[in-house]
């Protein structure tokens, strides 16, 4: 790992990359927390972090559904069932959060694509 960090050769790049990475993870967990609160699940932020982290481990599986559907929800359901949430609520909340996040990504991606096309003329 230190070899890779030496290749960057800039402490500023390493610092900014680390800060942005932390901000991305914090944002991801806060969005999960807010969405779950909106769905009526009153979980602490710690429980949301623990439960939703298990869904991230499923991303490394060699078999994925279209846009990750199915595998991510499986990890999500296991994580939140471990938190004491019923199986049905865990599965539905997993699909709900995933669908909302996919819509968000598609909208922002579309805006970004339009911005790139606009700049190119």
Foldseek 3Di string as FASTA:
>chain_A
DVVVVVVVVDPVVVVVVVVVVVVVLVVVLVLLQVLVVVVVDDDDSVLSSQLQVQLVVQVPDPDADVLRPPSSLVSNLVSVVVVVDDSVVSSVSSVVSSVVVVVVCVVVVVVVVVVVVVVVD
